[in-house]
N, C-alpha and C. Protein backbone atom coordinates (compact mmCIF):
# COMPACT_ATOMS: atom_id res chain seq x y z
N MET A 1 0.85 -1.17 0.00
CA MET A 1 0.00 0.00 0.00
C MET A 1 0.89 1.24 0.00
N ALA A 2 0.62 2.14 -0.91
CA ALA A 2 1.36 3.40 -1.00
C ALA A 2 0.92 4.33 0.12
N LYS A 3 1.86 5.10 0.62
CA LYS A 3 1.56 6.11 1.64
C LYS A 3 2.03 7.45 1.12
N ARG A 4 1.33 8.50 1.48
CA ARG A 4 1.64 9.84 1.01
C ARG A 4 1.65 10.81 2.19
N PHE A 5 2.57 11.78 2.10
CA PHE A 5 2.48 12.92 3.02
C PHE A 5 1.29 13.75 2.55
N THR A 6 0.63 14.39 3.48
CA THR A 6 -0.46 15.29 3.13
C THR A 6 -0.35 16.54 3.99
N SER A 7 -0.90 17.62 3.49
CA SER A 7 -0.85 18.88 4.22
C SER A 7 -2.26 19.29 4.63
N THR A 8 -2.44 19.54 5.90
CA THR A 8 -3.75 20.00 6.37
C THR A 8 -4.01 21.45 5.98
N ASP A 9 -2.96 22.15 5.50
CA ASP A 9 -3.13 23.54 5.05
C ASP A 9 -4.04 23.66 3.84
N ILE A 10 -4.28 22.55 3.14
CA ILE A 10 -5.13 22.62 1.95
C ILE A 10 -6.51 23.17 2.30
N TRP A 11 -6.95 22.94 3.54
CA TRP A 11 -8.27 23.41 3.96
C TRP A 11 -8.31 24.91 4.20
N ASP A 12 -7.15 25.57 4.07
CA ASP A 12 -7.08 27.03 4.18
C ASP A 12 -6.83 27.69 2.82
N GLU A 13 -6.73 26.90 1.78
CA GLU A 13 -6.41 27.43 0.45
C GLU A 13 -7.69 27.69 -0.34
N ASP A 14 -7.83 28.94 -0.79
CA ASP A 14 -9.04 29.36 -1.50
C ASP A 14 -9.33 28.50 -2.72
N TRP A 15 -8.30 28.18 -3.52
CA TRP A 15 -8.53 27.41 -4.74
C TRP A 15 -9.22 26.08 -4.42
N PHE A 16 -8.83 25.47 -3.30
CA PHE A 16 -9.40 24.18 -2.92
C PHE A 16 -10.80 24.33 -2.34
N ILE A 17 -10.96 25.30 -1.45
CA ILE A 17 -12.26 25.53 -0.82
C ILE A 17 -13.33 25.89 -1.84
N GLU A 18 -12.93 26.60 -2.90
CA GLU A 18 -13.88 27.02 -3.92
C GLU A 18 -14.27 25.91 -4.90
N LEU A 19 -13.58 24.78 -4.86
CA LEU A 19 -13.93 23.67 -5.75
C LEU A 19 -15.28 23.08 -5.38
N PRO A 20 -16.03 22.63 -6.38
CA PRO A 20 -17.23 21.85 -6.05
C PRO A 20 -16.82 20.60 -5.26
N LEU A 21 -17.67 20.13 -4.40
CA LEU A 21 -17.36 19.03 -3.50
C LEU A 21 -16.79 17.80 -4.22
N ASP A 22 -17.42 17.41 -5.34
CA ASP A 22 -16.93 16.23 -6.07
C ASP A 22 -15.50 16.42 -6.56
N TYR A 23 -15.14 17.64 -6.91
CA TYR A 23 -13.78 17.91 -7.41
C TYR A 23 -12.77 17.97 -6.27
N ARG A 24 -13.22 18.37 -5.08
CA ARG A 24 -12.32 18.29 -3.92
C ARG A 24 -11.97 16.83 -3.64
N LEU A 25 -12.98 16.00 -3.68
CA LEU A 25 -12.76 14.57 -3.45
C LEU A 25 -11.90 13.98 -4.57
N PHE A 26 -12.12 14.43 -5.80
CA PHE A 26 -11.31 13.94 -6.93
C PHE A 26 -9.85 14.33 -6.77
N TRP A 27 -9.58 15.52 -6.22
CA TRP A 27 -8.19 15.93 -5.99
C TRP A 27 -7.49 14.94 -5.05
N PHE A 28 -8.18 14.55 -3.99
CA PHE A 28 -7.59 13.57 -3.07
C PHE A 28 -7.44 12.21 -3.74
N TYR A 29 -8.38 11.84 -4.57
CA TYR A 29 -8.29 10.58 -5.32
C TYR A 29 -7.05 10.58 -6.22
N ILE A 30 -6.82 11.69 -6.92
CA ILE A 30 -5.63 11.80 -7.78
C ILE A 30 -4.36 11.64 -6.95
N LYS A 31 -4.28 12.34 -5.83
CA LYS A 31 -3.08 12.26 -4.99
C LYS A 31 -2.89 10.87 -4.41
N ASP A 32 -3.97 10.18 -4.08
CA ASP A 32 -3.87 8.85 -3.50
C ASP A 32 -3.60 7.76 -4.54
N LYS A 33 -4.07 7.95 -5.75
CA LYS A 33 -3.95 6.92 -6.78
C LYS A 33 -2.75 7.10 -7.70
N CYS A 34 -2.04 8.21 -7.59
CA CYS A 34 -0.88 8.40 -8.45
C CYS A 34 0.25 7.46 -8.02
N ASP A 35 1.23 7.28 -8.90
CA ASP A 35 2.37 6.43 -8.55
C ASP A 35 3.37 7.21 -7.70
N GLN A 36 4.49 6.58 -7.37
CA GLN A 36 5.48 7.19 -6.49
C GLN A 36 6.18 8.39 -7.09
N ALA A 37 6.00 8.62 -8.39
CA ALA A 37 6.58 9.79 -9.04
C ALA A 37 5.55 10.90 -9.25
N GLY A 38 4.29 10.64 -8.95
CA GLY A 38 3.25 11.65 -9.08
C GLY A 38 2.46 11.57 -10.38
N PHE A 39 2.57 10.44 -11.11
CA PHE A 39 1.80 10.26 -12.34
C PHE A 39 0.47 9.59 -12.02
N PHE A 40 -0.59 10.17 -12.56
CA PHE A 40 -1.94 9.65 -12.35
C PHE A 40 -2.51 9.23 -13.70
N LYS A 41 -2.91 7.97 -13.82
CA LYS A 41 -3.58 7.49 -15.03
C LYS A 41 -5.02 7.96 -14.94
N VAL A 42 -5.39 8.87 -15.84
CA VAL A 42 -6.71 9.49 -15.79
C VAL A 42 -7.79 8.44 -16.02
N ASN A 43 -8.65 8.30 -15.02
CA ASN A 43 -9.74 7.34 -15.09
C ASN A 43 -10.90 7.88 -14.26
N VAL A 44 -11.63 8.81 -14.84
CA VAL A 44 -12.75 9.40 -14.09
C VAL A 44 -13.92 8.45 -13.97
N SER A 45 -14.05 7.51 -14.91
CA SER A 45 -15.19 6.59 -14.82
C SER A 45 -15.09 5.73 -13.56
N SER A 46 -13.89 5.31 -13.20
CA SER A 46 -13.70 4.55 -11.97
C SER A 46 -14.06 5.41 -10.75
N PHE A 47 -13.52 6.64 -10.72
CA PHE A 47 -13.82 7.55 -9.61
C PHE A 47 -15.33 7.80 -9.53
N ASN A 48 -15.95 8.11 -10.66
CA ASN A 48 -17.39 8.41 -10.66
C ASN A 48 -18.21 7.22 -10.19
N SER A 49 -17.79 6.02 -10.56
CA SER A 49 -18.50 4.82 -10.15
C SER A 49 -18.37 4.59 -8.64
N ILE A 50 -17.17 4.74 -8.14
CA ILE A 50 -16.92 4.52 -6.71
C ILE A 50 -17.66 5.54 -5.86
N THR A 51 -17.65 6.79 -6.28
CA THR A 51 -18.18 7.88 -5.45
C THR A 51 -19.58 8.35 -5.85
N LYS A 52 -20.11 7.79 -6.91
CA LYS A 52 -21.42 8.23 -7.43
C LYS A 52 -21.39 9.71 -7.81
N SER A 53 -20.25 10.14 -8.37
CA SER A 53 -20.05 11.53 -8.79
C SER A 53 -20.21 11.64 -10.30
N LYS A 54 -20.12 12.87 -10.79
CA LYS A 54 -20.17 13.13 -12.23
C LYS A 54 -19.05 14.10 -12.59
N VAL A 55 -17.84 13.70 -12.30
CA VAL A 55 -16.66 14.52 -12.56
C VAL A 55 -16.25 14.35 -14.02
N SER A 56 -15.81 15.44 -14.62
CA SER A 56 -15.28 15.43 -15.99
C SER A 56 -13.78 15.67 -15.93
N ALA A 57 -13.01 14.85 -16.67
CA ALA A 57 -11.56 15.00 -16.69
C ALA A 57 -11.17 16.38 -17.21
N GLU A 58 -11.82 16.83 -18.27
CA GLU A 58 -11.49 18.13 -18.87
C GLU A 58 -11.76 19.27 -17.90
N LYS A 59 -12.91 19.22 -17.24
CA LYS A 59 -13.25 20.27 -16.29
C LYS A 59 -12.31 20.22 -15.08
N ALA A 60 -11.99 19.02 -14.61
CA ALA A 60 -11.08 18.88 -13.47
C ALA A 60 -9.73 19.50 -13.80
N PHE A 61 -9.18 19.16 -14.96
CA PHE A 61 -7.88 19.69 -15.34
C PHE A 61 -7.93 21.21 -15.41
N GLU A 62 -9.00 21.73 -15.96
CA GLU A 62 -9.15 23.19 -16.09
C GLU A 62 -9.25 23.88 -14.73
N ILE A 63 -10.09 23.38 -13.84
CA ILE A 63 -10.28 24.08 -12.57
C ILE A 63 -9.11 23.86 -11.61
N PHE A 64 -8.44 22.72 -11.68
CA PHE A 64 -7.27 22.51 -10.83
C PHE A 64 -6.12 23.42 -11.23
N ASN A 65 -6.06 23.78 -12.50
CA ASN A 65 -4.98 24.63 -13.01
C ASN A 65 -5.41 26.08 -13.20
N LYS A 66 -6.56 26.46 -12.66
CA LYS A 66 -7.12 27.79 -12.89
C LYS A 66 -6.14 28.92 -12.55
N ASP A 67 -5.52 28.86 -11.38
CA ASP A 67 -4.66 29.96 -10.95
C ASP A 67 -3.20 29.55 -10.78
N LYS A 68 -2.91 28.27 -10.98
CA LYS A 68 -1.54 27.75 -10.81
C LYS A 68 -1.45 26.41 -11.54
N ASP A 69 -0.29 26.12 -12.10
CA ASP A 69 -0.10 24.82 -12.76
C ASP A 69 0.06 23.74 -11.70
N ARG A 70 -1.00 22.97 -11.48
CA ARG A 70 -0.96 21.90 -10.50
C ARG A 70 -0.83 20.54 -11.16
N LEU A 71 -1.35 20.42 -12.38
CA LEU A 71 -1.29 19.17 -13.13
C LEU A 71 -0.69 19.44 -14.50
N ARG A 72 0.02 18.45 -15.01
CA ARG A 72 0.60 18.53 -16.36
C ARG A 72 0.12 17.32 -17.14
N LYS A 73 -0.36 17.57 -18.36
CA LYS A 73 -0.75 16.45 -19.23
C LYS A 73 0.52 15.83 -19.81
N VAL A 74 0.58 14.52 -19.72
CA VAL A 74 1.71 13.75 -20.22
C VAL A 74 1.14 12.72 -21.19
N ASN A 75 1.97 12.24 -22.09
CA ASN A 75 1.50 11.29 -23.10
C ASN A 75 0.81 10.08 -22.48
N GLY A 76 -0.07 9.48 -23.26
CA GLY A 76 -0.70 8.24 -22.82
C GLY A 76 -1.79 8.39 -21.78
N GLY A 77 -2.45 9.54 -21.71
CA GLY A 77 -3.56 9.72 -20.77
C GLY A 77 -3.11 9.82 -19.32
N LEU A 78 -1.94 10.37 -19.11
CA LEU A 78 -1.42 10.57 -17.75
C LEU A 78 -1.39 12.04 -17.40
N TRP A 79 -1.57 12.30 -16.13
CA TRP A 79 -1.33 13.62 -15.58
C TRP A 79 -0.19 13.50 -14.57
N LEU A 80 0.64 14.53 -14.50
CA LEU A 80 1.69 14.61 -13.49
C LEU A 80 1.30 15.70 -12.50
N ILE A 81 1.33 15.38 -11.22
CA ILE A 81 1.11 16.39 -10.20
C ILE A 81 2.40 17.20 -10.11
N GLU A 82 2.33 18.46 -10.48
CA GLU A 82 3.53 19.30 -10.64
C GLU A 82 4.41 19.37 -9.39
N ASP A 83 3.84 19.54 -8.23
CA ASP A 83 4.64 19.71 -7.01
C ASP A 83 4.81 18.41 -6.22
N PHE A 84 4.49 17.28 -6.84
CA PHE A 84 4.53 16.02 -6.11
C PHE A 84 5.93 15.71 -5.57
N PHE A 85 6.94 15.76 -6.43
CA PHE A 85 8.30 15.44 -5.98
C PHE A 85 8.72 16.38 -4.86
N LYS A 86 8.50 17.65 -5.07
CA LYS A 86 8.89 18.67 -4.09
C LYS A 86 8.25 18.39 -2.73
N PHE A 87 6.97 18.06 -2.74
CA PHE A 87 6.24 17.87 -1.49
C PHE A 87 6.62 16.55 -0.82
N GLN A 88 6.74 15.48 -1.61
CA GLN A 88 7.00 14.16 -1.04
C GLN A 88 8.46 13.92 -0.70
N TYR A 89 9.38 14.51 -1.50
CA TYR A 89 10.80 14.16 -1.38
C TYR A 89 11.72 15.35 -1.07
N GLY A 90 11.23 16.56 -1.16
CA GLY A 90 12.05 17.72 -0.85
C GLY A 90 12.48 18.50 -2.08
N LEU A 91 13.24 19.56 -1.85
CA LEU A 91 13.63 20.48 -2.92
C LEU A 91 14.90 20.07 -3.64
N LYS A 92 15.59 19.07 -3.13
CA LYS A 92 16.85 18.66 -3.75
C LYS A 92 16.71 17.26 -4.34
N PHE A 93 17.06 17.15 -5.61
CA PHE A 93 17.12 15.84 -6.26
C PHE A 93 18.56 15.37 -6.15
N ASN A 94 18.77 14.27 -5.43
CA ASN A 94 20.11 13.76 -5.17
C ASN A 94 20.40 12.58 -6.09
N ASP A 95 21.39 12.75 -6.96
CA ASP A 95 21.79 11.70 -7.90
C ASP A 95 22.28 10.43 -7.20
N LEU A 96 22.62 10.54 -5.93
CA LEU A 96 23.14 9.39 -5.19
C LEU A 96 22.07 8.70 -4.34
N ASN A 97 20.85 9.22 -4.38
CA ASN A 97 19.74 8.64 -3.62
C ASN A 97 19.01 7.65 -4.52
N ARG A 98 18.97 6.37 -4.11
CA ARG A 98 18.35 5.33 -4.95
C ARG A 98 16.87 5.59 -5.21
N VAL A 99 16.17 6.14 -4.25
CA VAL A 99 14.76 6.47 -4.45
C VAL A 99 14.63 7.53 -5.55
N HIS A 100 15.43 8.58 -5.47
CA HIS A 100 15.39 9.65 -6.46
C HIS A 100 15.75 9.12 -7.84
N VAL A 101 16.76 8.28 -7.93
CA VAL A 101 17.19 7.72 -9.21
C VAL A 101 16.06 6.87 -9.81
N GLY A 102 15.39 6.09 -8.98
CA GLY A 102 14.26 5.29 -9.46
C GLY A 102 13.12 6.15 -9.98
N ILE A 103 12.86 7.24 -9.29
CA ILE A 103 11.80 8.15 -9.73
C ILE A 103 12.19 8.83 -11.04
N GLU A 104 13.47 9.18 -11.16
CA GLU A 104 13.92 9.79 -12.42
C GLU A 104 13.72 8.83 -13.59
N LYS A 105 13.90 7.54 -13.38
CA LYS A 105 13.65 6.56 -14.45
C LYS A 105 12.19 6.58 -14.88
N ILE A 106 11.30 6.73 -13.92
CA ILE A 106 9.87 6.81 -14.25
C ILE A 106 9.60 8.08 -15.05
N TYR A 107 10.19 9.20 -14.61
CA TYR A 107 10.02 10.45 -15.36
C TYR A 107 10.50 10.29 -16.79
N LYS A 108 11.68 9.71 -16.96
CA LYS A 108 12.24 9.54 -18.31
C LYS A 108 11.34 8.67 -19.17
N THR A 109 10.75 7.64 -18.58
CA THR A 109 9.82 6.77 -19.31
C THR A 109 8.67 7.57 -19.92
N HIS A 110 8.26 8.62 -19.22
CA HIS A 110 7.13 9.44 -19.66
C HIS A 110 7.57 10.75 -20.33
N GLY A 111 8.87 10.88 -20.59
CA GLY A 111 9.37 12.05 -21.30
C GLY A 111 9.44 13.32 -20.47
N VAL A 112 9.60 13.17 -19.16
CA VAL A 112 9.67 14.32 -18.26
C VAL A 112 11.09 14.37 -17.67
N SER A 113 11.69 15.54 -17.68
CA SER A 113 13.02 15.68 -17.10
C SER A 113 12.94 16.31 -15.71
N ILE A 114 13.89 15.97 -14.87
CA ILE A 114 13.96 16.58 -13.53
C ILE A 114 14.06 18.10 -13.66
N GLY A 115 14.77 18.57 -14.67
CA GLY A 115 14.94 20.00 -14.88
C GLY A 115 13.64 20.74 -15.17
N SER A 116 12.61 20.02 -15.60
CA SER A 116 11.33 20.67 -15.89
C SER A 116 10.48 20.84 -14.64
N LEU A 117 10.91 20.30 -13.51
CA LEU A 117 10.17 20.44 -12.26
C LEU A 117 10.59 21.73 -11.58
N LYS A 118 9.65 22.61 -11.35
CA LYS A 118 9.94 23.92 -10.76
C LYS A 118 10.42 23.77 -9.32
N GLY A 119 11.50 24.49 -9.00
CA GLY A 119 11.99 24.56 -7.63
C GLY A 119 12.84 23.40 -7.17
N ILE A 120 13.19 22.48 -8.07
CA ILE A 120 14.00 21.33 -7.69
C ILE A 120 15.46 21.58 -8.09
N GLU A 121 16.37 21.42 -7.13
CA GLU A 121 17.79 21.59 -7.37
C GLU A 121 18.44 20.20 -7.45
N ARG A 122 19.23 19.98 -8.49
CA ARG A 122 19.91 18.70 -8.66
C ARG A 122 21.26 18.77 -7.92
N VAL A 123 21.50 17.81 -7.03
CA VAL A 123 22.73 17.77 -6.25
C VAL A 123 23.28 16.34 -6.21
N SER A 124 24.53 16.21 -5.86
CA SER A 124 25.16 14.90 -5.63
C SER A 124 25.81 14.94 -4.26
N ILE A 125 25.03 14.61 -3.26
CA ILE A 125 25.51 14.65 -1.88
C ILE A 125 25.68 13.22 -1.39
N PRO A 126 26.92 12.84 -1.02
CA PRO A 126 27.09 11.47 -0.50
C PRO A 126 26.33 11.28 0.81
N PRO A 127 25.76 10.09 1.02
CA PRO A 127 25.05 9.84 2.28
C PRO A 127 26.01 9.89 3.47
N LYS A 128 25.50 10.30 4.62
CA LYS A 128 26.32 10.39 5.85
C LYS A 128 26.23 9.12 6.63
């Protein structure tokens, strides 16, 4: 079972509070169902079936990105959560960290470079 860090500050953020209820729940679904690199295979029919909602992928992408780039469309019907790496793993991408290297392989598989992630610094720090 995958585990994720979460921030309770989301309940103080206007963009989130202003979302329709079904889309707030869909945001959590995306964060919970994405892989360890932050890629989510878009499948609203599954979400709608489970929750008895009527969420639209197009509308979700539009409203989640209304005032900030939160999701990125990637080939093959995937979305990348833009700040996922930063939030889950920190601001430094360490070439010597096996977890980071594994995640970079996933990014490369989907045509995403570490350099395209905002606020991430690439470093090579030996473990202590």
